[in-house]
PDB file of all heavy atoms in Angstrom:
ATOM      1  N   ARG A   1      74.446  17.327 -63.400  1.00  0.00           N
ATOM      2  CA  ARG A   1      74.248  15.886 -63.617  1.00  0.00           C
ATOM      3  C   ARG A   1      73.077  15.345 -62.809  1.00  0.00           C
ATOM      4  O   ARG A   1      72.392  14.426 -63.254  1.00  0.00           O
ATOM      5  CB  ARG A   1      75.517  15.119 -63.239  1.00  0.00           C
ATOM      6  CG  ARG A   1      76.741  15.503 -64.030  1.00  0.00           C
ATOM      7  CD  ARG A   1      77.909  14.549 -63.735  1.00  0.00           C
ATOM      8  NE  ARG A   1      78.330  14.590 -62.352  1.00  0.00           N
ATOM      9  CZ  ARG A   1      78.358  13.530 -61.544  1.00  0.00           C
ATOM     10  NH1 ARG A   1      77.995  12.338 -61.994  1.00  0.00           N
ATOM     11  NH2 ARG A   1      78.771  13.651 -60.288  1.00  0.00           N
ATOM     12  N   PHE A   2      72.883  15.875 -61.622  1.00  0.00           N
ATOM     13  CA  PHE A   2      71.820  15.399 -60.729  1.00  0.00           C
ATOM     14  C   PHE A   2      70.702  16.436 -60.664  1.00  0.00           C
ATOM     15  O   PHE A   2      70.949  17.646 -60.740  1.00  0.00           O
ATOM     16  CB  PHE A   2      72.358  15.188 -59.315  1.00  0.00           C
ATOM     17  CG  PHE A   2      73.314  14.032 -59.153  1.00  0.00           C
ATOM     18  CD1 PHE A   2      73.853  13.364 -60.241  1.00  0.00           C
ATOM     19  CD2 PHE A   2      73.671  13.600 -57.879  1.00  0.00           C
ATOM     20  CE1 PHE A   2      74.731  12.315 -60.085  1.00  0.00           C
ATOM     21  CE2 PHE A   2      74.548  12.549 -57.687  1.00  0.00           C
ATOM     22  CZ  PHE A   2      75.091  11.911 -58.809  1.00  0.00           C
ATOM     23  N   THR A   3      69.473  15.939 -60.477  1.00  0.00           N
ATOM     24  CA  THR A   3      68.322  16.817 -60.318  1.00  0.00           C
ATOM     25  C   THR A   3      67.471  16.336 -59.157  1.00  0.00           C
ATOM     26  O   THR A   3      67.072  15.164 -59.126  1.00  0.00           O
ATOM     27  CB  THR A   3      67.465  16.842 -61.591  1.00  0.00           C
ATOM     28  OG1 THR A   3      68.260  17.254 -62.705  1.00  0.00           O
ATOM     29  CG2 THR A   3      66.288  17.802 -61.425  1.00  0.00           C
ATOM     30  N   ILE A   4      67.203  17.232 -58.223  1.00  0.00           N
ATOM     31  CA  ILE A   4      66.330  16.909 -57.103  1.00  0.00           C
ATOM     32  C   ILE A   4      64.947  17.475 -57.396  1.00  0.00           C
ATOM     33  O   ILE A   4      64.809  18.568 -57.959  1.00  0.00           O
ATOM     34  CB  ILE A   4      66.896  17.463 -55.773  1.00  0.00           C
ATOM     35  CG1 ILE A   4      66.089  16.940 -54.591  1.00  0.00           C
ATOM     36  CG2 ILE A   4      66.982  18.989 -55.791  1.00  0.00           C
ATOM     37  CD1 ILE A   4      66.710  17.277 -53.229  1.00  0.00           C
ATOM     38  N   SER A   5      63.933  16.711 -57.028  1.00  0.00           N
ATOM     39  CA  SER A   5      62.555  17.153 -57.211  1.00  0.00           C
ATOM     40  C   SER A   5      61.703  16.518 -56.128  1.00  0.00           C
ATOM     41  O   SER A   5      62.166  15.631 -55.410  1.00  0.00           O
ATOM     42  CB  SER A   5      62.029  16.774 -58.606  1.00  0.00           C
ATOM     43  OG  SER A   5      62.041  15.370 -58.782  1.00  0.00           O
ATOM     44  N   ARG A   6      60.470  16.973 -56.024  1.00  0.00           N
ATOM     45  CA  ARG A   6      59.581  16.403 -55.020  1.00  0.00           C
ATOM     46  C   ARG A   6      58.151  16.436 -55.514  1.00  0.00           C
ATOM     47  O   ARG A   6      57.775  17.275 -56.329  1.00  0.00           O
ATOM     48  CB  ARG A   6      59.709  17.144 -53.693  1.00  0.00           C
ATOM     49  CG  ARG A   6      59.212  18.560 -53.692  1.00  0.00           C
ATOM     50  CD  ARG A   6      59.585  19.279 -52.388  1.00  0.00           C
ATOM     51  NE  ARG A   6      58.941  18.700 -51.228  1.00  0.00           N
ATOM     52  CZ  ARG A   6      59.356  18.904 -49.968  1.00  0.00           C
ATOM     53  NH1 ARG A   6      60.410  19.662 -49.736  1.00  0.00           N
ATOM     54  NH2 ARG A   6      58.718  18.357 -48.962  1.00  0.00           N
ATOM     55  N   ASP A   7      57.366  15.504 -54.975  1.00  0.00           N
ATOM     56  CA  ASP A   7      55.938  15.443 -55.250  1.00  0.00           C
ATOM     57  C   ASP A   7      55.253  15.383 -53.897  1.00  0.00           C
ATOM     58  O   ASP A   7      55.216  14.315 -53.257  1.00  0.00           O
ATOM     59  CB  ASP A   7      55.606  14.220 -56.106  1.00  0.00           C
ATOM     60  CG  ASP A   7      54.150  14.164 -56.508  1.00  0.00           C
ATOM     61  OD1 ASP A   7      53.314  14.831 -55.871  1.00  0.00           O
ATOM     62  OD2 ASP A   7      53.828  13.435 -57.471  1.00  0.00           O
ATOM     63  N   ASN A   8      54.733  16.514 -53.450  1.00  0.00           N
ATOM     64  CA  ASN A   8      54.130  16.555 -52.117  1.00  0.00           C
ATOM     65  C   ASN A   8      52.832  15.760 -52.033  1.00  0.00           C
ATOM     66  O   ASN A   8      52.398  15.401 -50.937  1.00  0.00           O
ATOM     67  CB  ASN A   8      53.909  17.999 -51.690  1.00  0.00           C
ATOM     68  CG  ASN A   8      55.216  18.701 -51.344  1.00  0.00           C
ATOM     69  OD1 ASN A   8      56.236  18.053 -51.135  1.00  0.00           O
ATOM     70  ND2 ASN A   8      55.177  20.027 -51.303  1.00  0.00           N
ATOM     71  N   THR A   9      52.217  15.469 -53.166  1.00  0.00           N
ATOM     72  CA  THR A   9      51.003  14.643 -53.136  1.00  0.00           C
ATOM     73  C   THR A   9      51.339  13.185 -52.873  1.00  0.00           C
ATOM     74  O   THR A   9      50.474  12.412 -52.458  1.00  0.00           O
ATOM     75  CB  THR A   9      50.229  14.750 -54.452  1.00  0.00           C
ATOM     76  OG1 THR A   9      50.992  14.160 -55.517  1.00  0.00           O
ATOM     77  CG2 THR A   9      49.922  16.203 -54.799  1.00  0.00           C
ATOM     78  N   LYS A  10      52.594  12.821 -53.122  1.00  0.00           N
ATOM     79  CA  LYS A  10      53.032  11.444 -52.896  1.00  0.00           C
ATOM     80  C   LYS A  10      54.012  11.334 -51.733  1.00  0.00           C
ATOM     81  O   LYS A  10      54.566  10.264 -51.488  1.00  0.00           O
ATOM     82  CB  LYS A  10      53.685  10.893 -54.168  1.00  0.00           C
ATOM     83  CG  LYS A  10      52.747  10.800 -55.352  1.00  0.00           C
ATOM     84  CD  LYS A  10      53.457  10.210 -56.567  1.00  0.00           C
ATOM     85  CE  LYS A  10      52.496  10.088 -57.746  1.00  0.00           C
ATOM     86  NZ  LYS A  10      53.163   9.527 -58.953  1.00  0.00           N
ATOM     87  N   ASN A  11      54.245  12.462 -51.042  1.00  0.00           N
ATOM     88  CA  ASN A  11      55.193  12.475 -49.915  1.00  0.00           C
ATOM     89  C   ASN A  11      56.554  11.927 -50.320  1.00  0.00           C
ATOM     90  O   ASN A  11      57.191  11.189 -49.551  1.00  0.00           O
ATOM     91  CB  ASN A  11      54.636  11.669 -48.729  1.00  0.00           C
ATOM     92  CG  ASN A  11      53.531  12.400 -47.997  1.00  0.00           C
ATOM     93  OD1 ASN A  11      53.139  13.496 -48.367  1.00  0.00           O
ATOM     94  ND2 ASN A  11      53.010  11.784 -46.964  1.00  0.00           N
ATOM     95  N   THR A  12      57.007  12.273 -51.499  1.00  0.00           N
ATOM     96  CA  THR A  12      58.222  11.675 -52.038  1.00  0.00           C
ATOM     97  C   THR A  12      59.144  12.739 -52.618  1.00  0.00           C
ATOM     98  O   THR A  12      58.684  13.682 -53.274  1.00  0.00           O
ATOM     99  CB  THR A  12      57.874  10.642 -53.116  1.00  0.00           C
ATOM    100  OG1 THR A  12      57.050   9.616 -52.540  1.00  0.00           O
ATOM    101  CG2 THR A  12      59.134   9.990 -53.678  1.00  0.00           C
ATOM    102  N   VAL A  13      60.432  12.566 -52.358  1.00  0.00           N
ATOM    103  CA  VAL A  13      61.459  13.383 -52.976  1.00  0.00           C
ATOM    104  C   VAL A  13      62.315  12.462 -53.843  1.00  0.00           C
ATOM    105  O   VAL A  13      62.527  11.294 -53.499  1.00  0.00           O
ATOM    106  CB  VAL A  13      62.304  14.122 -51.926  1.00  0.00           C
ATOM    107  CG1 VAL A  13      63.032  13.155 -51.001  1.00  0.00           C
ATOM    108  CG2 VAL A  13      63.291  15.079 -52.581  1.00  0.00           C
ATOM    109  N   TYR A  14      62.777  12.989 -54.960  1.00  0.00           N
ATOM    110  CA  TYR A  14      63.525  12.199 -55.928  1.00  0.00           C
ATOM    111  C   TYR A  14      64.914  12.796 -56.145  1.00  0.00           C
ATOM    112  O   TYR A  14      65.127  13.995 -55.979  1.00  0.00           O
ATOM    113  CB  TYR A  14      62.794  12.160 -57.274  1.00  0.00           C
ATOM    114  CG  TYR A  14      61.378  11.661 -57.193  1.00  0.00           C
ATOM    115  CD1 TYR A  14      60.302  12.552 -57.132  1.00  0.00           C
ATOM    116  CD2 TYR A  14      61.098  10.299 -57.192  1.00  0.00           C
ATOM    117  CE1 TYR A  14      59.001  12.106 -57.060  1.00  0.00           C
ATOM    118  CE2 TYR A  14      59.790   9.844 -57.131  1.00  0.00           C
ATOM    119  CZ  TYR A  14      58.754  10.750 -57.061  1.00  0.00           C
ATOM    120  OH  TYR A  14      57.461  10.291 -56.998  1.00  0.00           O
ATOM    121  N   LEU A  15      65.820  11.935 -56.567  1.00  0.00           N
ATOM    122  CA  LEU A  15      67.133  12.393 -57.014  1.00  0.00           C
ATOM    123  C   LEU A  15      67.430  11.667 -58.318  1.00  0.00           C
ATOM    124  O   LEU A  15      67.714  10.465 -58.318  1.00  0.00           O
ATOM    125  CB  LEU A  15      68.218  12.102 -55.979  1.00  0.00           C
ATOM    126  CG  LEU A  15      69.595  12.668 -56.332  1.00  0.00           C
ATOM    127  CD1 LEU A  15      69.576  14.202 -56.277  1.00  0.00           C
ATOM    128  CD2 LEU A  15      70.665  12.116 -55.390  1.00  0.00           C
ATOM    129  N   ARG A  16      67.349  12.409 -59.403  1.00  0.00           N
ATOM    130  CA  ARG A  16      67.685  11.852 -60.702  1.00  0.00           C
ATOM    131  C   ARG A  16      69.177  12.052 -60.912  1.00  0.00           C
ATOM    132  O   ARG A  16      69.681  13.167 -60.862  1.00  0.00           O
ATOM    133  CB  ARG A  16      66.902  12.564 -61.806  1.00  0.00           C
ATOM    134  CG  ARG A  16      67.252  12.096 -63.222  1.00  0.00           C
ATOM    135  CD  ARG A  16      66.796  10.687 -63.469  1.00  0.00           C
ATOM    136  NE  ARG A  16      67.130  10.228 -64.827  1.00  0.00           N
ATOM    137  CZ  ARG A  16      66.805   9.029 -65.301  1.00  0.00           C
ATOM    138  NH1 ARG A  16      66.151   8.154 -64.542  1.00  0.00           N
ATOM    139  NH2 ARG A  16      67.141   8.692 -66.535  1.00  0.00           N
ATOM    140  N   MET A  17      69.877  10.962 -61.182  1.00  0.00           N
ATOM    141  CA  MET A  17      71.323  11.011 -61.333  1.00  0.00           C
ATOM    142  C   MET A  17      71.693  10.557 -62.739  1.00  0.00           C
ATOM    143  O   MET A  17      71.443   9.394 -63.097  1.00  0.00           O
ATOM    144  CB  MET A  17      71.998  10.113 -60.289  1.00  0.00           C
ATOM    145  CG  MET A  17      71.572  10.433 -58.855  1.00  0.00           C
ATOM    146  SD  MET A  17      72.447   9.463 -57.623  1.00  0.00           S
ATOM    147  CE  MET A  17      71.834   7.824 -57.989  1.00  0.00           C
ATOM    148  N   ASN A  18      72.266  11.454 -63.506  1.00  0.00           N
ATOM    149  CA  ASN A  18      72.708  11.159 -64.860  1.00  0.00           C
ATOM    150  C   ASN A  18      74.229  11.231 -64.953  1.00  0.00           C
ATOM    151  O   ASN A  18      74.890  11.796 -64.078  1.00  0.00           O
ATOM    152  CB  ASN A  18      72.099  12.153 -65.847  1.00  0.00           C
ATOM    153  CG  ASN A  18      70.603  12.057 -65.950  1.00  0.00           C
ATOM    154  OD1 ASN A  18      70.013  10.978 -65.786  1.00  0.00           O
ATOM    155  ND2 ASN A  18      69.950  13.179 -66.218  1.00  0.00           N
ATOM    156  N   SER A  19      74.754  10.667 -66.022  1.00  0.00           N
ATOM    157  CA  SER A  19      76.207  10.718 -66.267  1.00  0.00           C
ATOM    158  C   SER A  19      76.989  10.293 -65.024  1.00  0.00           C
ATOM    159  O   SER A  19      77.941  10.960 -64.604  1.00  0.00           O
ATOM    160  CB  SER A  19      76.629  12.134 -66.686  1.00  0.00           C
ATOM    161  OG  SER A  19      75.925  12.550 -67.837  1.00  0.00           O
ATOM    162  N   LEU A  20      76.582   9.183 -64.470  1.00  0.00           N
ATOM    163  CA  LEU A  20      77.196   8.724 -63.223  1.00  0.00           C
ATOM    164  C   LEU A  20      78.660   8.358 -63.419  1.00  0.00           C
ATOM    165  O   LEU A  20      79.067   7.863 -64.483  1.00  0.00           O
ATOM    166  CB  LEU A  20      76.425   7.538 -62.665  1.00  0.00           C
ATOM    167  CG  LEU A  20      75.113   7.928 -61.956  1.00  0.00           C
ATOM    168  CD1 LEU A  20      74.187   6.732 -61.817  1.00  0.00           C
ATOM    169  CD2 LEU A  20      75.413   8.527 -60.589  1.00  0.00           C
ATOM    170  N   LYS A  21      79.432   8.619 -62.367  1.00  0.00           N
ATOM    171  CA  LYS A  21      80.870   8.359 -62.366  1.00  0.00           C
ATOM    172  C   LYS A  21      81.197   7.395 -61.235  1.00  0.00           C
ATOM    173  O   LYS A  21      80.455   7.326 -60.239  1.00  0.00           O
ATOM    174  CB  LYS A  21      81.629   9.663 -62.134  1.00  0.00           C
ATOM    175  CG  LYS A  21      81.302  10.775 -63.115  1.00  0.00           C
ATOM    176  CD  LYS A  21      82.001  12.064 -62.722  1.00  0.00           C
ATOM    177  CE  LYS A  21      81.658  13.204 -63.664  1.00  0.00           C
ATOM    178  NZ  LYS A  21      82.329  14.471 -63.267  1.00  0.00           N
ATOM    179  N   PRO A  22      82.297   6.668 -61.339  1.00  0.00           N
ATOM    180  CA  PRO A  22      82.670   5.765 -60.237  1.00  0.00           C
ATOM    181  C   PRO A  22      82.770   6.496 -58.899  1.00  0.00           C
ATOM    182  O   PRO A  22      82.450   5.911 -57.854  1.00  0.00           O
ATOM    183  CB  PRO A  22      84.026   5.225 -60.686  1.00  0.00           C
ATOM    184  CG  PRO A  22      83.942   5.241 -62.181  1.00  0.00           C
ATOM    185  CD  PRO A  22      83.170   6.484 -62.511  1.00  0.00           C
ATOM    186  N   GLU A  23      83.172   7.745 -58.908  1.00  0.00           N
ATOM    187  CA  GLU A  23      83.284   8.502 -57.650  1.00  0.00           C
ATOM    188  C   GLU A  23      81.930   8.864 -57.046  1.00  0.00           C
ATOM    189  O   GLU A  23      81.869   9.382 -55.927  1.00  0.00           O
ATOM    190  CB  GLU A  23      84.128   9.760 -57.844  1.00  0.00           C
ATOM    191  CG  GLU A  23      83.708  10.634 -59.002  1.00  0.00           C
ATOM    192  CD  GLU A  23      84.533  10.380 -60.256  1.00  0.00           C
ATOM    193  OE1 GLU A  23      84.771   9.194 -60.583  1.00  0.00           O
ATOM    194  OE2 GLU A  23      84.909  11.383 -60.920  1.00  0.00           O
ATOM    195  N   ASP A  24      80.847   8.582 -57.760  1.00  0.00           N
ATOM    196  CA  ASP A  24      79.512   8.761 -57.181  1.00  0.00           C
ATOM    197  C   ASP A  24      79.095   7.559 -56.326  1.00  0.00           C
ATOM    198  O   ASP A  24      78.034   7.590 -55.687  1.00  0.00           O
ATOM    199  CB  ASP A  24      78.469   8.964 -58.280  1.00  0.00           C
ATOM    200  CG  ASP A  24      78.676  10.260 -59.053  1.00  0.00           C
ATOM    201  OD1 ASP A  24      78.965  11.297 -58.423  1.00  0.00           O
ATOM    202  OD2 ASP A  24      78.535  10.228 -60.294  1.00  0.00           O
ATOM    203  N   THR A  25      79.905   6.513 -56.337  1.00  0.00           N
ATOM    204  CA  THR A  25      79.598   5.332 -55.533  1.00  0.00           C
ATOM    205  C   THR A  25      79.526   5.708 -54.055  1.00  0.00           C
ATOM    206  O   THR A  25      80.452   6.297 -53.505  1.00  0.00           O
ATOM    207  CB  THR A  25      80.665   4.254 -55.747  1.00  0.00           C
ATOM    208  OG1 THR A  25      80.591   3.788 -57.093  1.00  0.00           O
ATOM    209  CG2 THR A  25      80.455   3.083 -54.793  1.00  0.00           C
ATOM    210  N   ALA A  26      78.408   5.374 -53.433  1.00  0.00           N
ATOM    211  CA  ALA A  26      78.184   5.755 -52.036  1.00  0.00           C
ATOM    212  C   ALA A  26      76.850   5.196 -51.574  1.00  0.00           C
ATOM    213  O   ALA A  26      76.035   4.736 -52.378  1.00  0.00           O
ATOM    214  CB  ALA A  26      78.171   7.280 -51.884  1.00  0.00           C
ATOM    215  N   VAL A  27      76.651   5.271 -50.269  1.00  0.00           N
ATOM    216  CA  VAL A  27      75.314   5.097 -49.717  1.00  0.00           C
ATOM    217  C   VAL A  27      74.660   6.474 -49.712  1.00  0.00           C
ATOM    218  O   VAL A  27      75.243   7.439 -49.203  1.00  0.00           O
ATOM    219  CB  VAL A  27      75.359   4.518 -48.291  1.00  0.00           C
ATOM    220  CG1 VAL A  27      73.942   4.396 -47.731  1.00  0.00           C
ATOM    221  CG2 VAL A  27      76.055   3.162 -48.289  1.00  0.00           C
ATOM    222  N   TYR A  28      73.481   6.538 -50.288  1.00  0.00           N
ATOM    223  CA  TYR A  28      72.772   7.806 -50.403  1.00  0.00           C
ATOM    224  C   TYR A  28      71.647   7.855 -49.363  1.00  0.00           C
ATOM    225  O   TYR A  28      70.857   6.907 -49.246  1.00  0.00           O
ATOM    226  CB  TYR A  28      72.199   7.970 -51.797  1.00  0.00           C
ATOM    227  CG  TYR A  28      73.244   8.360 -52.809  1.00  0.00           C
ATOM    228  CD1 TYR A  28      74.217   7.451 -53.218  1.00  0.00           C
ATOM    229  CD2 TYR A  28      73.290   9.646 -53.340  1.00  0.00           C
ATOM    230  CE1 TYR A  28      75.197   7.816 -54.132  1.00  0.00           C
ATOM    231  CE2 TYR A  28      74.258  10.024 -54.256  1.00  0.00           C
ATOM    232  CZ  TYR A  28      75.209   9.097 -54.648  1.00  0.00           C
ATOM    233  OH  TYR A  28      76.193   9.464 -55.547  1.00  0.00           O
ATOM    234  N   TYR A  29      71.602   8.973 -48.648  1.00  0.00           N
ATOM    235  CA  TYR A  29      70.626   9.161 -47.586  1.00  0.00           C
ATOM    236  C   TYR A  29      69.754  10.369 -47.893  1.00  0.00           C
ATOM    237  O   TYR A  29      70.255  11.401 -48.346  1.00  0.00           O
ATOM    238  CB  TYR A  29      71.318   9.412 -46.244  1.00  0.00           C
ATOM    239  CG  TYR A  29      72.226   8.317 -45.779  1.00  0.00           C
ATOM    240  CD1 TYR A  29      73.575   8.303 -46.121  1.00  0.00           C
ATOM    241  CD2 TYR A  29      71.740   7.283 -44.966  1.00  0.00           C
ATOM    242  CE1 TYR A  29      74.413   7.288 -45.684  1.00  0.00           C
ATOM    243  CE2 TYR A  29      72.576   6.270 -44.518  1.00  0.00           C
ATOM    244  CZ  TYR A  29      73.908   6.278 -44.887  1.00  0.00           C
ATOM    245  OH  TYR A  29      74.729   5.283 -44.442  1.00  0.00           O
ATOM    246  N   CYS A  30      68.472  10.244 -47.603  1.00  0.00           N
ATOM    247  CA  CYS A  30      67.641  11.439 -47.638  1.00  0.00           C
ATOM    248  C   CYS A  30      67.415  11.903 -46.204  1.00  0.00           C
ATOM    249  O   CYS A  30      67.520  11.123 -45.252  1.00  0.00           O
ATOM    250  CB  CYS A  30      66.326  11.216 -48.364  1.00  0.00           C
ATOM    251  SG  CYS A  30      65.132  10.180 -47.512  1.00  0.00           S
TER     252      CYS A  30
END
């Protein structure tokens, strides 16, 4: 459901979250 990726040219990491469920409710930290 989730996909992590990064773009080192932008100094950024991503977390794509699909098919979200109520139990995914949280504070997300990198």
